[in-house]
């Protein structure tokens, strides 16, 4: 993605994992919208909770309807 968006800069560790707090240091001060796989959403929610910013995080969950 960064190749197509020159203004985008990401910080990754040695294993290639993205470090949001290093990339967006003021993440807790921003309104944020979250949608994704359950494990990702749980990690992001935990990060916002730990930063005292849970009220700024909006999320949407999709579930598979019963057949």
C-alpha atoms as a PDB file:
ATOM      1  CA  UNK A   1       0.000   0.000   0.000  1.00  0.00           C
ATOM      2  CA  UNK A   2       2.804   2.419   0.832  1.00  0.00           C
ATOM      3  CA  UNK A   3       4.117   2.056  -2.725  1.00  0.00           C
ATOM      4  CA  UNK A   4       0.874   3.564  -4.028  1.00  0.00           C
ATOM      5  CA  UNK A   5       0.568   6.229  -1.318  1.00  0.00           C
ATOM      6  CA  UNK A   6       3.848   8.082  -0.942  1.00  0.00           C
ATOM      7  CA  UNK A   7       2.575  10.011   2.094  1.00  0.00           C
ATOM      8  CA  UNK A   8       1.884   6.773   3.989  1.00  0.00           C
ATOM      9  CA  UNK A   9       4.575   5.714   6.440  1.00  0.00           C
ATOM     10  CA  UNK A  10       4.357   2.646   8.631  1.00  0.00           C
ATOM     11  CA  UNK A  11       6.601   1.362  11.400  1.00  0.00           C
ATOM     12  CA  UNK A  12       7.156  -2.371  11.576  1.00  0.00           C
ATOM     13  CA  UNK A  13       9.154  -4.508  13.957  1.00  0.00           C
ATOM     14  CA  UNK A  14      11.679  -7.194  12.957  1.00  0.00           C
ATOM     15  CA  UNK A  15       8.853  -9.697  12.346  1.00  0.00           C
ATOM     16  CA  UNK A  16       7.005  -7.242  10.078  1.00  0.00           C
ATOM     17  CA  UNK A  17       4.215  -6.402  12.522  1.00  0.00           C
ATOM     18  CA  UNK A  18       2.701  -2.935  12.289  1.00  0.00           C
ATOM     19  CA  UNK A  19       3.125  -0.679  15.314  1.00  0.00           C
ATOM     20  CA  UNK A  20       0.237   1.748  15.313  1.00  0.00           C
ATOM     21  CA  UNK A  21       1.423   3.827  18.273  1.00  0.00           C
ATOM     22  CA  UNK A  22       4.741   4.474  16.520  1.00  0.00           C
ATOM     23  CA  UNK A  23       3.033   5.260  13.214  1.00  0.00           C
ATOM     24  CA  UNK A  24       0.228   7.393  14.704  1.00  0.00           C
ATOM     25  CA  UNK A  25       1.451   8.625  18.113  1.00  0.00           C
ATOM     26  CA  UNK A  26      -1.766  10.564  18.809  1.00  0.00           C
ATOM     27  CA  UNK A  27      -4.081   7.640  17.951  1.00  0.00           C
ATOM     28  CA  UNK A  28      -5.886   7.951  21.312  1.00  0.00           C
ATOM     29  CA  UNK A  29      -6.890  11.543  20.513  1.00  0.00           C
ATOM     30  CA  UNK A  30      -8.490  10.617  17.198  1.00  0.00           C
ATOM     31  CA  UNK A  31     -11.961   9.353  16.411  1.00  0.00           C
ATOM     32  CA  UNK A  32     -11.427   5.864  14.994  1.00  0.00           C
ATOM     33  CA  UNK A  33     -13.626   3.438  13.094  1.00  0.00           C
ATOM     34  CA  UNK A  34     -12.886  -0.279  13.347  1.00  0.00           C
ATOM     35  CA  UNK A  35     -14.063  -3.287  11.385  1.00  0.00           C
ATOM     36  CA  UNK A  36     -12.177  -6.497  10.701  1.00  0.00           C
ATOM     37  CA  UNK A  37     -11.507 -10.034  11.854  1.00  0.00           C
ATOM     38  CA  UNK A  38     -12.404 -10.750  15.497  1.00  0.00           C
ATOM     39  CA  UNK A  39      -8.775 -11.111  16.667  1.00  0.00           C
ATOM     40  CA  UNK A  40      -7.800  -7.769  15.121  1.00  0.00           C
ATOM     41  CA  UNK A  41     -10.824  -6.044  16.627  1.00  0.00           C
ATOM     42  CA  UNK A  42     -10.091  -7.486  20.080  1.00  0.00           C
ATOM     43  CA  UNK A  43      -6.484  -6.260  19.938  1.00  0.00           C
ATOM     44  CA  UNK A  44      -7.469  -2.764  18.790  1.00  0.00           C
ATOM     45  CA  UNK A  45     -10.212  -2.508  21.426  1.00  0.00           C
ATOM     46  CA  UNK A  46      -7.718  -3.550  24.110  1.00  0.00           C
ATOM     47  CA  UNK A  47      -5.216  -0.956  22.872  1.00  0.00           C
ATOM     48  CA  UNK A  48      -7.812   1.843  22.982  1.00  0.00           C
ATOM     49  CA  UNK A  49      -8.994   0.695  26.439  1.00  0.00           C
ATOM     50  CA  UNK A  50      -5.417   0.743  27.773  1.00  0.00           C
ATOM     51  CA  UNK A  51      -4.961   4.263  26.369  1.00  0.00           C
ATOM     52  CA  UNK A  52      -8.180   5.447  28.047  1.00  0.00           C
ATOM     53  CA  UNK A  53      -9.666   6.190  24.630  1.00  0.00           C
ATOM     54  CA  UNK A  54     -12.417   3.577  24.337  1.00  0.00           C
ATOM     55  CA  UNK A  55     -15.043   6.303  23.877  1.00  0.00           C
ATOM     56  CA  UNK A  56     -13.309   7.427  20.651  1.00  0.00           C
ATOM     57  CA  UNK A  57     -13.455   3.965  19.064  1.00  0.00           C
ATOM     58  CA  UNK A  58     -16.484   3.087  16.948  1.00  0.00           C
ATOM     59  CA  UNK A  59     -16.812  -0.434  15.674  1.00  0.00           C
ATOM     60  CA  UNK A  60     -19.013  -2.508  13.414  1.00  0.00           C
ATOM     61  CA  UNK A  61     -19.192  -6.271  13.540  1.00  0.00           C
ATOM     62  CA  UNK A  62     -20.543  -8.479  10.820  1.00  0.00           C
ATOM     63  CA  UNK A  63     -21.880 -11.940  11.536  1.00  0.00           C
ATOM     64  CA  UNK A  64     -22.950 -14.732   9.248  1.00  0.00           C
ATOM     65  CA  UNK A  65     -26.709 -15.129   9.294  1.00  0.00           C
ATOM     66  CA  UNK A  66     -28.085 -18.570  10.103  1.00  0.00           C
ATOM     67  CA  UNK A  67     -29.043 -20.607   7.076  1.00  0.00           C
END
